[in-house]
Amino acid sequence: SFPTPGLRKTQDITIPREYSGMTTYRDTDFVTLRVDGTKFEVFTLPVKASKYKMMKGKGAKALSILADNTIYSSIKSKRPAKSEELEKHFGTTDREAIVSKILLDGKLKVKVYIAQ
């Protein structure tokens, strides 16, 4: 188990987690949606995306679930989706509507945190 909240154990060394007031990518889950073969992904705050899906989008704004405000075509390469792609595949440029569709219809990929 971890000795103190906010610390993580790496091998035999306990080091403090970097904190700048923003969520780091280590602390996030993500959702992936393919539309006509094109992939769209968003980083989400832990647990919030699954709650949003369970509540079918009621009770929270989709943008408040995001860890950052970017819609990606590839999270792995951190490549943002182009606005032309978003409009072509979602029929709108409204970010709230697009993110809501990704969150509700996409596949949630939850990180597994294992205490050592």
N, C-alpha and C. Protein backbone atom coordinates (compact mmCIF):
# COMPACT_ATOMS: atom_id res chain seq x y z
N SER A 1 0.84 -1.19 0.00
CA SER A 1 0.00 0.00 0.00
C SER A 1 0.88 1.24 0.00
N PHE A 2 0.29 2.35 -0.38
CA PHE A 2 1.04 3.59 -0.45
C PHE A 2 1.18 4.19 0.95
N PRO A 3 2.35 4.72 1.28
CA PRO A 3 2.57 5.23 2.62
C PRO A 3 1.76 6.48 2.96
N THR A 4 1.55 7.36 1.99
CA THR A 4 0.86 8.61 2.23
C THR A 4 0.04 8.96 1.00
N PRO A 5 -1.19 9.48 1.18
CA PRO A 5 -1.95 9.91 0.02
C PRO A 5 -1.15 10.95 -0.77
N GLY A 6 -1.22 10.89 -2.09
CA GLY A 6 -0.49 11.83 -2.92
C GLY A 6 0.90 11.35 -3.27
N LEU A 7 1.31 10.22 -2.72
CA LEU A 7 2.61 9.65 -3.06
C LEU A 7 2.38 8.38 -3.84
N ARG A 8 3.30 8.08 -4.71
CA ARG A 8 3.20 6.82 -5.43
C ARG A 8 4.51 6.09 -5.29
N LYS A 9 4.47 4.79 -5.31
CA LYS A 9 5.67 3.99 -5.13
C LYS A 9 6.14 3.48 -6.48
N THR A 10 7.39 3.78 -6.79
CA THR A 10 8.01 3.32 -8.02
C THR A 10 9.21 2.48 -7.62
N GLN A 11 9.16 1.22 -7.95
CA GLN A 11 10.17 0.26 -7.53
C GLN A 11 10.33 0.36 -6.01
N ASP A 12 11.52 0.70 -5.52
CA ASP A 12 11.72 0.80 -4.08
C ASP A 12 11.80 2.23 -3.60
N ILE A 13 11.48 3.17 -4.46
CA ILE A 13 11.62 4.58 -4.11
C ILE A 13 10.24 5.20 -4.05
N THR A 14 9.92 5.90 -2.99
CA THR A 14 8.66 6.62 -2.90
C THR A 14 8.92 8.05 -3.31
N ILE A 15 8.20 8.52 -4.32
CA ILE A 15 8.40 9.88 -4.81
C ILE A 15 7.08 10.63 -4.78
N PRO A 16 7.11 11.92 -4.54
CA PRO A 16 5.85 12.68 -4.54
C PRO A 16 5.30 12.80 -5.94
N ARG A 17 3.99 12.79 -6.05
CA ARG A 17 3.31 12.98 -7.33
C ARG A 17 3.43 14.46 -7.70
N GLU A 18 3.76 14.72 -8.96
CA GLU A 18 3.82 16.10 -9.41
C GLU A 18 2.42 16.68 -9.35
N TYR A 19 2.30 17.91 -8.89
CA TYR A 19 0.98 18.53 -8.83
C TYR A 19 1.11 19.99 -9.17
N SER A 20 0.44 20.40 -10.19
CA SER A 20 0.49 21.80 -10.61
C SER A 20 -0.90 22.42 -10.57
N GLY A 21 -1.85 21.73 -9.93
CA GLY A 21 -3.22 22.21 -9.91
C GLY A 21 -4.04 21.66 -11.06
N MET A 22 -3.38 20.99 -12.02
CA MET A 22 -4.08 20.40 -13.16
C MET A 22 -3.98 18.88 -13.07
N THR A 23 -4.95 18.22 -13.62
CA THR A 23 -4.93 16.77 -13.67
C THR A 23 -3.85 16.32 -14.64
N THR A 24 -3.06 15.35 -14.24
CA THR A 24 -2.05 14.82 -15.15
C THR A 24 -2.65 13.65 -15.90
N TYR A 25 -2.06 13.28 -17.02
CA TYR A 25 -2.60 12.20 -17.82
C TYR A 25 -2.56 10.87 -17.08
N ARG A 26 -1.68 10.73 -16.09
CA ARG A 26 -1.65 9.51 -15.29
C ARG A 26 -2.93 9.33 -14.50
N ASP A 27 -3.60 10.44 -14.20
CA ASP A 27 -4.78 10.43 -13.34
C ASP A 27 -6.07 10.35 -14.13
N THR A 28 -6.01 10.01 -15.39
CA THR A 28 -7.20 10.06 -16.22
C THR A 28 -7.55 8.70 -16.82
N ASP A 29 -8.80 8.60 -17.23
CA ASP A 29 -9.26 7.49 -18.06
C ASP A 29 -9.48 8.12 -19.43
N PHE A 30 -9.91 7.33 -20.41
CA PHE A 30 -10.25 7.93 -21.69
C PHE A 30 -11.36 7.15 -22.37
N VAL A 31 -12.02 7.83 -23.29
CA VAL A 31 -13.13 7.25 -24.04
C VAL A 31 -12.80 7.34 -25.53
N THR A 32 -13.02 6.24 -26.23
CA THR A 32 -12.76 6.16 -27.66
C THR A 32 -14.06 5.86 -28.40
N LEU A 33 -14.29 6.59 -29.49
CA LEU A 33 -15.45 6.34 -30.35
C LEU A 33 -14.98 6.34 -31.80
N ARG A 34 -15.39 5.32 -32.55
CA ARG A 34 -15.11 5.28 -33.99
C ARG A 34 -16.40 5.63 -34.73
N VAL A 35 -16.28 6.61 -35.64
CA VAL A 35 -17.40 7.03 -36.47
C VAL A 35 -16.95 6.89 -37.92
N ASP A 36 -17.61 6.01 -38.65
CA ASP A 36 -17.25 5.75 -40.06
C ASP A 36 -15.77 5.45 -40.21
N GLY A 37 -15.20 4.71 -39.26
CA GLY A 37 -13.80 4.31 -39.34
C GLY A 37 -12.82 5.34 -38.80
N THR A 38 -13.29 6.52 -38.42
CA THR A 38 -12.42 7.56 -37.87
C THR A 38 -12.52 7.54 -36.35
N LYS A 39 -11.37 7.57 -35.70
CA LYS A 39 -11.33 7.47 -34.24
C LYS A 39 -11.33 8.86 -33.61
N PHE A 40 -12.12 9.00 -32.53
CA PHE A 40 -12.14 10.22 -31.72
C PHE A 40 -11.99 9.80 -30.27
N GLU A 41 -11.13 10.52 -29.54
CA GLU A 41 -10.85 10.15 -28.15
C GLU A 41 -10.81 11.40 -27.28
N VAL A 42 -11.18 11.22 -26.00
CA VAL A 42 -11.09 12.30 -25.01
C VAL A 42 -10.55 11.74 -23.70
N PHE A 43 -9.73 12.54 -23.02
CA PHE A 43 -9.29 12.21 -21.66
C PHE A 43 -10.40 12.59 -20.70
N THR A 44 -10.70 11.73 -19.74
CA THR A 44 -11.76 12.02 -18.78
C THR A 44 -11.24 11.91 -17.36
N LEU A 45 -11.93 12.59 -16.46
CA LEU A 45 -11.59 12.47 -15.05
C LEU A 45 -12.04 11.10 -14.56
N PRO A 46 -11.24 10.49 -13.68
CA PRO A 46 -11.60 9.15 -13.20
C PRO A 46 -13.00 9.12 -12.60
N VAL A 47 -13.70 8.06 -12.83
CA VAL A 47 -15.03 7.76 -12.30
C VAL A 47 -16.14 8.62 -12.93
N LYS A 48 -15.84 9.86 -13.29
CA LYS A 48 -16.89 10.75 -13.81
C LYS A 48 -17.46 10.27 -15.14
N ALA A 49 -16.63 9.72 -16.01
CA ALA A 49 -17.13 9.25 -17.30
C ALA A 49 -18.09 8.08 -17.12
N SER A 50 -17.76 7.16 -16.23
CA SER A 50 -18.66 6.01 -16.02
C SER A 50 -19.97 6.48 -15.40
N LYS A 51 -19.93 7.45 -14.50
CA LYS A 51 -21.17 8.00 -13.92
C LYS A 51 -21.99 8.70 -15.00
N TYR A 52 -21.32 9.44 -15.88
CA TYR A 52 -22.01 10.13 -16.96
C TYR A 52 -22.73 9.13 -17.86
N LYS A 53 -22.05 8.03 -18.19
CA LYS A 53 -22.65 6.99 -19.02
C LYS A 53 -23.85 6.34 -18.31
N MET A 54 -23.69 6.05 -17.02
CA MET A 54 -24.78 5.42 -16.27
C MET A 54 -26.01 6.33 -16.19
N MET A 55 -25.77 7.63 -16.06
CA MET A 55 -26.87 8.59 -15.94
C MET A 55 -27.37 9.04 -17.31
N LYS A 56 -26.79 8.46 -18.38
CA LYS A 56 -27.16 8.78 -19.76
C LYS A 56 -27.08 10.28 -20.06
N GLY A 57 -26.04 10.91 -19.48
CA GLY A 57 -25.77 12.32 -19.76
C GLY A 57 -26.56 13.31 -18.93
N LYS A 58 -27.39 12.84 -18.04
CA LYS A 58 -28.20 13.74 -17.22
C LYS A 58 -27.42 14.14 -15.96
N GLY A 59 -27.55 15.39 -15.57
CA GLY A 59 -26.96 15.84 -14.31
C GLY A 59 -25.59 16.47 -14.40
N ALA A 60 -24.94 16.40 -15.55
CA ALA A 60 -23.63 17.03 -15.69
C ALA A 60 -23.41 17.43 -17.14
N LYS A 61 -22.66 18.49 -17.32
CA LYS A 61 -22.27 18.89 -18.67
C LYS A 61 -21.13 18.00 -19.12
N ALA A 62 -21.16 17.60 -20.37
CA ALA A 62 -20.15 16.69 -20.91
C ALA A 62 -18.74 17.28 -20.79
N LEU A 63 -18.61 18.57 -21.04
CA LEU A 63 -17.28 19.19 -20.98
C LEU A 63 -16.69 19.16 -19.57
N SER A 64 -17.54 19.08 -18.54
CA SER A 64 -17.03 19.04 -17.16
C SER A 64 -16.42 17.68 -16.82
N ILE A 65 -16.65 16.68 -17.66
CA ILE A 65 -16.12 15.33 -17.45
C ILE A 65 -14.68 15.22 -17.98
N LEU A 66 -14.31 16.14 -18.88
CA LEU A 66 -13.01 16.05 -19.53
C LEU A 66 -11.87 16.49 -18.61
N ALA A 67 -10.73 15.81 -18.74
CA ALA A 67 -9.52 16.19 -18.02
C ALA A 67 -8.83 17.36 -18.73
N ASP A 68 -9.01 17.46 -20.03
CA ASP A 68 -8.58 18.63 -20.79
C ASP A 68 -9.65 18.87 -21.86
N ASN A 69 -9.58 19.99 -22.52
CA ASN A 69 -10.66 20.36 -23.45
C ASN A 69 -10.40 19.94 -24.89
N THR A 70 -9.53 18.97 -25.09
CA THR A 70 -9.17 18.56 -26.44
C THR A 70 -9.88 17.28 -26.85
N ILE A 71 -10.37 17.26 -28.07
CA ILE A 71 -10.88 16.03 -28.68
C ILE A 71 -9.76 15.56 -29.61
N TYR A 72 -9.31 14.33 -29.41
CA TYR A 72 -8.17 13.82 -30.14
C TYR A 72 -8.60 12.86 -31.24
N SER A 73 -7.79 12.81 -32.30
CA SER A 73 -7.95 11.73 -33.27
C SER A 73 -7.02 10.59 -32.87
N SER A 74 -6.02 10.89 -32.05
CA SER A 74 -5.15 9.87 -31.48
C SER A 74 -4.57 10.37 -30.17
N ILE A 75 -4.98 9.73 -29.09
CA ILE A 75 -4.42 10.10 -27.78
C ILE A 75 -2.97 9.68 -27.70
N LYS A 76 -2.66 8.52 -28.26
CA LYS A 76 -1.29 8.00 -28.18
C LYS A 76 -0.28 8.99 -28.75
N SER A 77 -0.60 9.59 -29.88
CA SER A 77 0.31 10.57 -30.48
C SER A 77 -0.08 12.00 -30.11
N LYS A 78 -1.10 12.15 -29.25
CA LYS A 78 -1.60 13.46 -28.79
C LYS A 78 -1.92 14.37 -29.98
N ARG A 79 -2.58 13.78 -30.99
CA ARG A 79 -2.96 14.52 -32.20
C ARG A 79 -4.42 14.96 -32.07
N PRO A 80 -4.67 16.27 -31.98
CA PRO A 80 -6.05 16.76 -31.89
C PRO A 80 -6.82 16.49 -33.17
N ALA A 81 -8.10 16.24 -33.02
CA ALA A 81 -8.98 16.07 -34.20
C ALA A 81 -9.18 17.42 -34.87
N LYS A 82 -9.24 17.41 -36.19
CA LYS A 82 -9.46 18.64 -36.94
C LYS A 82 -10.94 19.00 -36.89
N SER A 83 -11.22 20.30 -36.86
CA SER A 83 -12.62 20.74 -36.79
C SER A 83 -13.42 20.28 -38.00
N GLU A 84 -12.75 20.15 -39.17
CA GLU A 84 -13.46 19.66 -40.36
C GLU A 84 -13.92 18.21 -40.17
N GLU A 85 -13.05 17.39 -39.53
CA GLU A 85 -13.41 15.99 -39.25
C GLU A 85 -14.59 15.93 -38.29
N LEU A 86 -14.54 16.76 -37.26
CA LEU A 86 -15.63 16.77 -36.26
C LEU A 86 -16.96 17.14 -36.92
N GLU A 87 -16.95 18.19 -37.74
CA GLU A 87 -18.19 18.60 -38.39
C GLU A 87 -18.68 17.55 -39.37
N LYS A 88 -17.75 16.93 -40.10
CA LYS A 88 -18.12 15.90 -41.08
C LYS A 88 -18.78 14.70 -40.40
N HIS A 89 -18.21 14.23 -39.29
CA HIS A 89 -18.68 13.00 -38.67
C HIS A 89 -19.79 13.21 -37.63
N PHE A 90 -19.86 14.40 -37.04
CA PHE A 90 -20.88 14.64 -36.01
C PHE A 90 -21.96 15.61 -36.48
N GLY A 91 -21.73 16.26 -37.63
CA GLY A 91 -22.73 17.17 -38.18
C GLY A 91 -22.88 18.47 -37.41
N THR A 92 -21.91 18.78 -36.56
CA THR A 92 -21.96 20.01 -35.77
C THR A 92 -20.56 20.39 -35.34
N THR A 93 -20.41 21.64 -34.92
CA THR A 93 -19.15 22.08 -34.32
C THR A 93 -19.33 22.34 -32.83
N ASP A 94 -20.53 22.08 -32.31
CA ASP A 94 -20.82 22.28 -30.89
C ASP A 94 -20.06 21.25 -30.06
N ARG A 95 -19.04 21.70 -29.33
CA ARG A 95 -18.17 20.80 -28.57
C ARG A 95 -18.94 20.02 -27.51
N GLU A 96 -19.90 20.64 -26.87
CA GLU A 96 -20.70 19.95 -25.84
C GLU A 96 -21.43 18.75 -26.45
N ALA A 97 -22.04 18.96 -27.61
CA ALA A 97 -22.77 17.88 -28.28
C ALA A 97 -21.83 16.77 -28.74
N ILE A 98 -20.66 17.15 -29.28
CA ILE A 98 -19.70 16.17 -29.76
C ILE A 98 -19.15 15.34 -28.60
N VAL A 99 -18.74 16.01 -27.53
CA VAL A 99 -18.18 15.30 -26.37
C VAL A 99 -19.24 14.41 -25.74
N SER A 100 -20.47 14.88 -25.66
CA SER A 100 -21.55 14.06 -25.11
C SER A 100 -21.73 12.78 -25.93
N LYS A 101 -21.72 12.89 -27.25
CA LYS A 101 -21.85 11.72 -28.13
C LYS A 101 -20.69 10.75 -27.91
N ILE A 102 -19.46 11.28 -27.80
CA ILE A 102 -18.28 10.43 -27.57
C ILE A 102 -18.42 9.72 -26.23
N LEU A 103 -18.81 10.45 -25.19
CA LEU A 103 -18.93 9.86 -23.85
C LEU A 103 -20.02 8.80 -23.79
N LEU A 104 -21.16 9.08 -24.40
CA LEU A 104 -22.30 8.16 -24.30
C LEU A 104 -22.14 6.92 -25.19
N ASP A 105 -21.60 7.11 -26.39
CA ASP A 105 -21.52 6.00 -27.35
C ASP A 105 -20.15 5.35 -27.43
N GLY A 106 -19.14 6.00 -26.86
CA GLY A 106 -17.78 5.49 -26.95
C GLY A 106 -17.47 4.42 -25.93
N LYS A 107 -16.29 3.84 -26.09
CA LYS A 107 -15.82 2.79 -25.18
C LYS A 107 -14.93 3.41 -24.12
N LEU A 108 -15.32 3.25 -22.87
CA LEU A 108 -14.56 3.79 -21.74
C LEU A 108 -13.39 2.87 -21.44
N LYS A 109 -12.21 3.43 -21.40
CA LYS A 109 -11.01 2.67 -21.05
C LYS A 109 -10.53 3.17 -19.70
N VAL A 110 -10.74 2.34 -18.70
CA VAL A 110 -10.42 2.72 -17.32
C VAL A 110 -9.05 2.16 -16.96
N LYS A 111 -8.23 3.01 -16.37
CA LYS A 111 -6.94 2.54 -15.89
C LYS A 111 -7.16 1.72 -14.65
N VAL A 112 -6.33 0.72 -14.47
CA VAL A 112 -6.39 -0.12 -13.27
C VAL A 112 -5.25 0.30 -12.37
N TYR A 113 -5.58 0.70 -11.18
CA TYR A 113 -4.57 1.13 -10.22
C TYR A 113 -4.34 -0.01 -9.24
N ILE A 114 -3.11 -0.48 -9.14
CA ILE A 114 -2.79 -1.62 -8.29
C ILE A 114 -1.88 -1.17 -7.17
N ALA A 115 -2.32 -1.35 -5.94
CA ALA A 115 -1.46 -1.04 -4.79
C ALA A 115 -0.41 -2.11 -4.67
N GLN A 116 0.81 -1.71 -4.38
CA GLN A 116 1.89 -2.68 -4.26
C GLN A 116 2.19 -3.00 -2.81
